[in-house]
Amino acid sequence: MKKLAKLVKNTRGGEFIEYAVICGVVALLAITAFTTFGTDVQNKITEEGGKVTGIND
């Protein structure tokens, strides 16, 4: 029981875990945003490219 209490009180390495969790959450948000808006941005770029090509014709 004393060993368990000692492990619970041990905070060594806790900051690293916090940073890892924060980085993971930011990465998930970035992936979600990219998949949500990525196709919209690609379609808009293609549309604008078509307009520029149309100017030369």
N, C-alpha and C. Protein backbone atom coordinates (compact mmCIF):
# COMPACT_ATOMS: atom_id res chain seq x y z
N MET A 1 0.82 -1.19 0.00
CA MET A 1 0.00 0.00 0.00
C MET A 1 0.87 1.27 0.00
N LYS A 2 2.01 1.18 0.70
CA LYS A 2 2.91 2.33 0.75
C LYS A 2 3.50 2.63 -0.63
N LYS A 3 3.78 1.57 -1.39
CA LYS A 3 4.33 1.77 -2.73
C LYS A 3 3.32 2.47 -3.63
N LEU A 4 2.05 2.11 -3.51
CA LEU A 4 1.01 2.74 -4.31
C LEU A 4 0.87 4.22 -3.95
N ALA A 5 0.90 4.53 -2.67
CA ALA A 5 0.82 5.92 -2.23
C ALA A 5 2.02 6.71 -2.74
N LYS A 6 3.18 6.08 -2.74
CA LYS A 6 4.39 6.75 -3.23
C LYS A 6 4.29 7.04 -4.73
N LEU A 7 3.71 6.10 -5.49
CA LEU A 7 3.55 6.31 -6.93
C LEU A 7 2.54 7.42 -7.22
N VAL A 8 1.50 7.50 -6.42
CA VAL A 8 0.48 8.53 -6.63
C VAL A 8 1.05 9.91 -6.38
N LYS A 9 1.92 10.03 -5.39
CA LYS A 9 2.52 11.32 -5.05
C LYS A 9 3.63 11.72 -6.01
N ASN A 10 4.18 10.78 -6.75
CA ASN A 10 5.28 11.05 -7.66
C ASN A 10 4.78 11.84 -8.86
N THR A 11 5.31 13.04 -9.05
CA THR A 11 4.89 13.89 -10.18
C THR A 11 6.01 14.05 -11.20
N ARG A 12 7.09 13.32 -11.03
CA ARG A 12 8.21 13.43 -11.95
C ARG A 12 7.77 12.99 -13.35
N GLY A 13 8.02 13.82 -14.34
CA GLY A 13 7.63 13.50 -15.71
C GLY A 13 6.22 13.95 -16.05
N GLY A 14 5.53 14.54 -15.11
CA GLY A 14 4.15 14.97 -15.35
C GLY A 14 4.04 16.07 -16.39
N GLU A 15 4.99 16.98 -16.40
CA GLU A 15 4.95 18.08 -17.36
C GLU A 15 5.10 17.55 -18.78
N PHE A 16 5.95 16.55 -18.96
CA PHE A 16 6.14 15.98 -20.29
C PHE A 16 4.83 15.38 -20.79
N ILE A 17 4.13 14.69 -19.92
CA ILE A 17 2.86 14.08 -20.31
C ILE A 17 1.84 15.16 -20.67
N GLU A 18 1.82 16.25 -19.91
CA GLU A 18 0.90 17.35 -20.20
C GLU A 18 1.19 17.94 -21.58
N TYR A 19 2.46 18.17 -21.88
CA TYR A 19 2.82 18.71 -23.19
C TYR A 19 2.48 17.73 -24.31
N ALA A 20 2.68 16.46 -24.07
CA ALA A 20 2.35 15.45 -25.07
C ALA A 20 0.86 15.42 -25.34
N VAL A 21 0.06 15.53 -24.30
CA VAL A 21 -1.40 15.54 -24.47
C VAL A 21 -1.83 16.80 -25.22
N ILE A 22 -1.25 17.94 -24.87
CA ILE A 22 -1.60 19.19 -25.56
C ILE A 22 -1.22 19.11 -27.04
N CYS A 23 -0.04 18.60 -27.33
CA CYS A 23 0.39 18.44 -28.73
C CYS A 23 -0.54 17.49 -29.48
N GLY A 24 -0.96 16.44 -28.83
CA GLY A 24 -1.88 15.50 -29.46
C GLY A 24 -3.22 16.13 -29.78
N VAL A 25 -3.74 16.92 -28.85
CA VAL A 25 -5.03 17.60 -29.07
C VAL A 25 -4.91 18.60 -30.21
N VAL A 26 -3.82 19.36 -30.24
CA VAL A 26 -3.61 20.34 -31.32
C VAL A 26 -3.50 19.61 -32.66
N ALA A 27 -2.79 18.50 -32.68
CA ALA A 27 -2.66 17.73 -33.92
C ALA A 27 -4.02 17.21 -34.39
N LEU A 28 -4.83 16.71 -33.48
CA LEU A 28 -6.17 16.23 -33.86
C LEU A 28 -7.04 17.36 -34.39
N LEU A 29 -6.94 18.53 -33.77
CA LEU A 29 -7.71 19.68 -34.26
C LEU A 29 -7.24 20.10 -35.65
N ALA A 30 -5.94 20.08 -35.88
CA ALA A 30 -5.40 20.45 -37.19
C ALA A 30 -5.84 19.45 -38.26
N ILE A 31 -5.80 18.18 -37.94
CA ILE A 31 -6.23 17.15 -38.91
C ILE A 31 -7.71 17.30 -39.21
N THR A 32 -8.51 17.54 -38.19
CA THR A 32 -9.94 17.73 -38.39
C THR A 32 -10.23 18.96 -39.24
N ALA A 33 -9.54 20.05 -38.96
CA ALA A 33 -9.74 21.27 -39.75
C ALA A 33 -9.31 21.06 -41.19
N PHE A 34 -8.21 20.37 -41.39
CA PHE A 34 -7.73 20.13 -42.75
C PHE A 34 -8.70 19.27 -43.53
N THR A 35 -9.21 18.21 -42.91
CA THR A 35 -10.15 17.35 -43.63
C THR A 35 -11.47 18.05 -43.88
N THR A 36 -11.87 18.93 -42.98
CA THR A 36 -13.13 19.65 -43.16
C THR A 36 -13.01 20.71 -44.23
N PHE A 37 -11.96 21.51 -44.18
CA PHE A 37 -11.83 22.65 -45.09
C PHE A 37 -10.89 22.39 -46.26
N GLY A 38 -10.18 21.29 -46.25
CA GLY A 38 -9.21 21.01 -47.30
C GLY A 38 -9.83 20.90 -48.68
N THR A 39 -10.95 20.20 -48.79
CA THR A 39 -11.59 20.05 -50.10
C THR A 39 -12.19 21.38 -50.56
N ASP A 40 -12.72 22.17 -49.63
CA ASP A 40 -13.27 23.48 -50.00
C ASP A 40 -12.17 24.39 -50.54
N VAL A 41 -11.03 24.37 -49.89
CA VAL A 41 -9.91 25.21 -50.35
C VAL A 41 -9.42 24.73 -51.71
N GLN A 42 -9.29 23.43 -51.88
CA GLN A 42 -8.83 22.89 -53.16
C GLN A 42 -9.79 23.26 -54.28
N ASN A 43 -11.10 23.15 -54.02
CA ASN A 43 -12.09 23.52 -55.03
C ASN A 43 -12.00 25.01 -55.38
N LYS A 44 -11.79 25.85 -54.39
CA LYS A 44 -11.68 27.29 -54.63
C LYS A 44 -10.43 27.61 -55.44
N ILE A 45 -9.32 26.94 -55.15
CA ILE A 45 -8.09 27.16 -55.90
C ILE A 45 -8.28 26.75 -57.36
N THR A 46 -8.93 25.61 -57.57
CA THR A 46 -9.20 25.14 -58.94
C THR A 46 -10.11 26.12 -59.68
N GLU A 47 -11.11 26.61 -59.00
CA GLU A 47 -12.03 27.58 -59.61
C GLU A 47 -11.31 28.86 -60.01
N GLU A 48 -10.48 29.37 -59.12
CA GLU A 48 -9.73 30.60 -59.41
C GLU A 48 -8.71 30.37 -60.51
N GLY A 49 -8.10 29.19 -60.54
CA GLY A 49 -7.16 28.84 -61.61
C GLY A 49 -7.86 28.83 -62.96
N GLY A 50 -9.08 28.32 -63.00
CA GLY A 50 -9.86 28.32 -64.22
C GLY A 50 -10.16 29.73 -64.70
N LYS A 51 -10.42 30.64 -63.77
CA LYS A 51 -10.68 32.03 -64.15
C LYS A 51 -9.43 32.68 -64.74
N VAL A 52 -8.27 32.41 -64.15
CA VAL A 52 -7.03 32.97 -64.67
C VAL A 52 -6.74 32.42 -66.06
N THR A 53 -6.97 31.13 -66.25
CA THR A 53 -6.75 30.52 -67.57
C THR A 53 -7.72 31.11 -68.58
N GLY A 54 -8.93 31.42 -68.16
CA GLY A 54 -9.93 32.02 -69.05
C GLY A 54 -9.56 33.41 -69.52
N ILE A 55 -8.75 34.11 -68.75
CA ILE A 55 -8.32 35.48 -69.13
C ILE A 55 -7.46 35.41 -70.38
N ASN A 56 -6.62 34.40 -70.50
CA ASN A 56 -5.70 34.29 -71.63
C ASN A 56 -6.43 33.92 -72.92
N ASP A 57 -7.60 33.31 -72.83
CA ASP A 57 -8.31 32.88 -74.03
C ASP A 57 -8.96 34.00 -74.77
